[in-house]
């Protein structure tokens, strides 16, 4: 979670964003975390960051043969205007 939040913070800095509006992540089929558990950790970890009030969308892959099936991938970030 720390790496994901660091990546989000880095993107926000690059874009001179004061706030992130929404974040979309993809959980690989073999990543061993449920969407609910991921959501809890995400909202606990992002307190005090530019992503604190961001809407979180979680996509869960069903493809266990995907080379990234064990990964949590940052799919997109929408920056608030």
N, C-alpha and C. Protein backbone atom coordinates (compact mmCIF):
# COMPACT_ATOMS: atom_id res chain seq x y z
N UNK A 1 0.83 -1.19 0.00
CA UNK A 1 0.00 0.00 0.00
C UNK A 1 0.88 1.26 0.00
N UNK A 2 1.98 1.19 0.73
CA UNK A 2 2.87 2.36 0.77
C UNK A 2 3.40 2.71 -0.62
N UNK A 3 3.76 1.69 -1.39
CA UNK A 3 4.27 1.95 -2.74
C UNK A 3 3.21 2.56 -3.63
N UNK A 4 1.99 2.05 -3.54
CA UNK A 4 0.90 2.59 -4.34
C UNK A 4 0.63 4.05 -3.97
N UNK A 5 0.56 4.33 -2.69
CA UNK A 5 0.30 5.71 -2.26
C UNK A 5 1.45 6.64 -2.63
N UNK A 6 2.68 6.13 -2.56
CA UNK A 6 3.84 6.94 -2.98
C UNK A 6 3.76 7.26 -4.46
N UNK A 7 3.32 6.30 -5.26
CA UNK A 7 3.18 6.52 -6.69
C UNK A 7 2.09 7.57 -6.97
N UNK A 8 0.99 7.49 -6.25
CA UNK A 8 -0.09 8.47 -6.40
C UNK A 8 0.39 9.86 -6.01
N UNK A 9 1.10 9.96 -4.91
CA UNK A 9 1.66 11.25 -4.47
C UNK A 9 2.63 11.80 -5.51
N UNK A 10 3.46 10.94 -6.08
CA UNK A 10 4.42 11.37 -7.09
C UNK A 10 3.72 11.91 -8.33
N UNK A 11 2.69 11.22 -8.79
CA UNK A 11 1.93 11.69 -9.94
C UNK A 11 1.26 13.02 -9.64
N UNK A 12 0.72 13.16 -8.45
CA UNK A 12 0.07 14.42 -8.05
C UNK A 12 1.08 15.57 -8.07
N UNK A 13 2.29 15.32 -7.56
CA UNK A 13 3.33 16.36 -7.57
C UNK A 13 3.70 16.75 -9.00
N UNK A 14 3.87 15.75 -9.86
CA UNK A 14 4.22 16.01 -11.26
C UNK A 14 3.16 16.85 -11.96
N UNK A 15 1.91 16.66 -11.58
CA UNK A 15 0.80 17.38 -12.21
C UNK A 15 0.41 18.64 -11.44
N UNK A 16 1.17 18.98 -10.39
CA UNK A 16 0.87 20.12 -9.53
C UNK A 16 -0.56 20.06 -9.00
N UNK A 17 -0.98 18.86 -8.63
CA UNK A 17 -2.34 18.65 -8.13
C UNK A 17 -2.39 18.80 -6.62
N UNK A 18 -3.40 19.50 -6.17
CA UNK A 18 -3.61 19.62 -4.74
C UNK A 18 -4.53 18.54 -4.20
N UNK A 19 -5.25 17.90 -5.12
CA UNK A 19 -6.23 16.91 -4.70
C UNK A 19 -6.47 15.92 -5.84
N UNK A 20 -6.64 14.66 -5.46
CA UNK A 20 -6.99 13.61 -6.41
C UNK A 20 -8.49 13.37 -6.27
N UNK A 21 -9.19 13.36 -7.39
CA UNK A 21 -10.64 13.16 -7.36
C UNK A 21 -11.02 11.68 -7.36
N UNK A 22 -10.35 10.88 -8.19
CA UNK A 22 -10.67 9.46 -8.23
C UNK A 22 -9.45 8.64 -8.61
N UNK A 23 -9.49 7.39 -8.16
CA UNK A 23 -8.40 6.45 -8.40
C UNK A 23 -9.04 5.12 -8.80
N UNK A 24 -8.44 4.49 -9.80
CA UNK A 24 -8.93 3.18 -10.24
C UNK A 24 -7.77 2.20 -10.16
N UNK A 25 -7.98 1.11 -9.44
CA UNK A 25 -6.96 0.07 -9.32
C UNK A 25 -7.52 -1.26 -9.79
N UNK A 26 -6.62 -2.12 -10.19
CA UNK A 26 -6.99 -3.47 -10.62
C UNK A 26 -6.28 -4.47 -9.71
N UNK A 27 -7.07 -5.34 -9.10
CA UNK A 27 -6.51 -6.40 -8.28
C UNK A 27 -6.38 -7.65 -9.14
N UNK A 28 -5.17 -8.17 -9.22
CA UNK A 28 -4.96 -9.39 -9.99
C UNK A 28 -5.68 -10.56 -9.34
N UNK A 29 -6.00 -11.56 -10.13
CA UNK A 29 -6.76 -12.71 -9.65
C UNK A 29 -6.05 -13.46 -8.52
N UNK A 30 -4.74 -13.35 -8.45
CA UNK A 30 -3.96 -14.07 -7.44
C UNK A 30 -3.28 -13.15 -6.44
N UNK A 31 -3.77 -11.93 -6.27
CA UNK A 31 -3.07 -10.97 -5.41
C UNK A 31 -3.35 -11.15 -3.92
N UNK A 32 -4.24 -12.04 -3.55
CA UNK A 32 -4.49 -12.41 -2.15
C UNK A 32 -5.01 -11.29 -1.26
N UNK A 33 -5.80 -10.40 -1.82
CA UNK A 33 -6.47 -9.40 -1.01
C UNK A 33 -7.86 -9.17 -1.61
N UNK A 34 -8.84 -9.12 -0.75
CA UNK A 34 -10.20 -8.88 -1.24
C UNK A 34 -10.39 -7.39 -1.50
N UNK A 35 -11.34 -7.04 -2.34
CA UNK A 35 -11.61 -5.62 -2.57
C UNK A 35 -11.96 -4.87 -1.28
N UNK A 36 -12.71 -5.50 -0.40
CA UNK A 36 -13.08 -4.86 0.86
C UNK A 36 -11.86 -4.59 1.74
N UNK A 37 -10.97 -5.59 1.83
CA UNK A 37 -9.76 -5.44 2.63
C UNK A 37 -8.85 -4.37 2.02
N UNK A 38 -8.72 -4.39 0.71
CA UNK A 38 -7.92 -3.37 0.02
C UNK A 38 -8.49 -1.98 0.32
N UNK A 39 -9.79 -1.82 0.21
CA UNK A 39 -10.45 -0.53 0.46
C UNK A 39 -10.14 -0.02 1.87
N UNK A 40 -10.24 -0.91 2.86
CA UNK A 40 -9.94 -0.52 4.25
C UNK A 40 -8.51 -0.01 4.38
N UNK A 41 -7.58 -0.77 3.86
CA UNK A 41 -6.16 -0.37 3.96
C UNK A 41 -5.89 0.91 3.18
N UNK A 42 -6.51 1.05 2.03
CA UNK A 42 -6.31 2.24 1.23
C UNK A 42 -6.78 3.49 1.98
N UNK A 43 -7.98 3.44 2.54
CA UNK A 43 -8.51 4.62 3.22
C UNK A 43 -7.80 4.91 4.54
N UNK A 44 -7.26 3.91 5.18
CA UNK A 44 -6.44 4.16 6.37
C UNK A 44 -5.09 4.76 5.98
N UNK A 45 -4.52 4.27 4.89
CA UNK A 45 -3.20 4.72 4.45
C UNK A 45 -3.18 6.08 3.80
N UNK A 46 -4.30 6.53 3.23
CA UNK A 46 -4.27 7.78 2.48
C UNK A 46 -4.66 9.01 3.30
N UNK A 47 -4.90 8.83 4.57
CA UNK A 47 -5.24 9.98 5.43
C UNK A 47 -4.13 11.02 5.39
N UNK A 48 -4.53 12.25 5.18
CA UNK A 48 -3.57 13.35 5.15
C UNK A 48 -2.83 13.49 3.84
N UNK A 49 -3.22 12.74 2.83
CA UNK A 49 -2.57 12.84 1.52
C UNK A 49 -3.51 13.51 0.52
N UNK A 50 -3.00 13.76 -0.68
CA UNK A 50 -3.84 14.37 -1.72
C UNK A 50 -4.95 13.43 -2.17
N UNK A 51 -4.86 12.16 -1.79
CA UNK A 51 -5.86 11.17 -2.18
C UNK A 51 -6.87 10.89 -1.07
N UNK A 52 -6.83 11.67 -0.01
CA UNK A 52 -7.65 11.36 1.16
C UNK A 52 -9.14 11.23 0.85
N UNK A 53 -9.67 12.08 0.01
CA UNK A 53 -11.11 12.05 -0.27
C UNK A 53 -11.42 11.54 -1.68
N UNK A 54 -10.47 10.86 -2.27
CA UNK A 54 -10.65 10.35 -3.62
C UNK A 54 -11.65 9.21 -3.66
N UNK A 55 -12.42 9.17 -4.73
CA UNK A 55 -13.30 8.03 -4.98
C UNK A 55 -12.43 6.88 -5.46
N UNK A 56 -12.65 5.72 -4.90
CA UNK A 56 -11.84 4.54 -5.25
C UNK A 56 -12.68 3.53 -6.01
N UNK A 57 -12.21 3.17 -7.19
CA UNK A 57 -12.85 2.12 -7.98
C UNK A 57 -11.89 0.95 -8.03
N UNK A 58 -12.41 -0.23 -7.70
CA UNK A 58 -11.58 -1.43 -7.69
C UNK A 58 -12.13 -2.40 -8.73
N UNK A 59 -11.27 -2.80 -9.63
CA UNK A 59 -11.59 -3.81 -10.64
C UNK A 59 -10.87 -5.09 -10.22
N UNK A 60 -11.58 -6.20 -10.24
CA UNK A 60 -10.98 -7.48 -9.86
C UNK A 60 -10.86 -8.35 -11.11
N UNK A 61 -9.65 -8.74 -11.40
CA UNK A 61 -9.41 -9.63 -12.54
C UNK A 61 -9.75 -11.07 -12.16
N UNK A 62 -10.28 -11.79 -13.09
CA UNK A 62 -10.59 -13.21 -12.89
C UNK A 62 -9.58 -14.11 -13.60
N UNK A 63 -8.62 -13.50 -14.30
CA UNK A 63 -7.68 -14.25 -15.14
C UNK A 63 -6.43 -14.65 -14.36
N UNK A 64 -6.44 -15.86 -13.85
CA UNK A 64 -5.29 -16.36 -13.08
C UNK A 64 -4.07 -16.62 -13.95
N UNK A 65 -4.23 -16.65 -15.26
CA UNK A 65 -3.09 -16.87 -16.16
C UNK A 65 -2.42 -15.58 -16.60
N UNK A 66 -2.99 -14.46 -16.24
CA UNK A 66 -2.41 -13.15 -16.58
C UNK A 66 -1.04 -13.05 -15.91
N UNK A 67 -0.01 -12.60 -16.62
CA UNK A 67 1.32 -12.45 -16.02
C UNK A 67 1.32 -11.50 -14.81
N UNK A 68 0.33 -10.63 -14.73
CA UNK A 68 0.24 -9.69 -13.60
C UNK A 68 -0.82 -10.11 -12.58
N UNK A 69 -1.16 -11.38 -12.56
CA UNK A 69 -2.24 -11.87 -11.69
C UNK A 69 -1.96 -11.71 -10.21
N UNK A 70 -0.71 -11.53 -9.81
CA UNK A 70 -0.37 -11.35 -8.40
C UNK A 70 -0.21 -9.88 -8.02
N UNK A 71 -0.47 -8.99 -8.94
CA UNK A 71 -0.19 -7.58 -8.75
C UNK A 71 -1.44 -6.76 -8.43
N UNK A 72 -1.20 -5.62 -7.82
CA UNK A 72 -2.20 -4.57 -7.66
C UNK A 72 -1.73 -3.44 -8.57
N UNK A 73 -2.53 -3.10 -9.55
CA UNK A 73 -2.12 -2.14 -10.57
C UNK A 73 -2.90 -0.85 -10.46
N UNK A 74 -2.20 0.26 -10.54
CA UNK A 74 -2.84 1.57 -10.62
C UNK A 74 -3.25 1.77 -12.06
N UNK A 75 -4.55 1.78 -12.31
CA UNK A 75 -5.06 1.90 -13.68
C UNK A 75 -5.19 3.36 -14.10
N UNK A 76 -5.71 4.20 -13.22
CA UNK A 76 -5.87 5.61 -13.58
C UNK A 76 -6.06 6.48 -12.34
N UNK A 77 -5.79 7.75 -12.55
CA UNK A 77 -5.97 8.78 -11.52
C UNK A 77 -6.65 9.97 -12.18
N UNK A 78 -7.67 10.49 -11.54
CA UNK A 78 -8.30 11.72 -12.03
C UNK A 78 -7.99 12.82 -11.03
N UNK A 79 -7.41 13.88 -11.55
CA UNK A 79 -7.01 15.00 -10.70
C UNK A 79 -8.13 16.00 -10.62
N UNK A 80 -8.39 16.47 -9.41
CA UNK A 80 -9.44 17.48 -9.22
C UNK A 80 -8.96 18.82 -9.76
N UNK A 81 -9.89 19.56 -10.33
CA UNK A 81 -9.54 20.87 -10.89
C UNK A 81 -9.73 21.96 -9.87
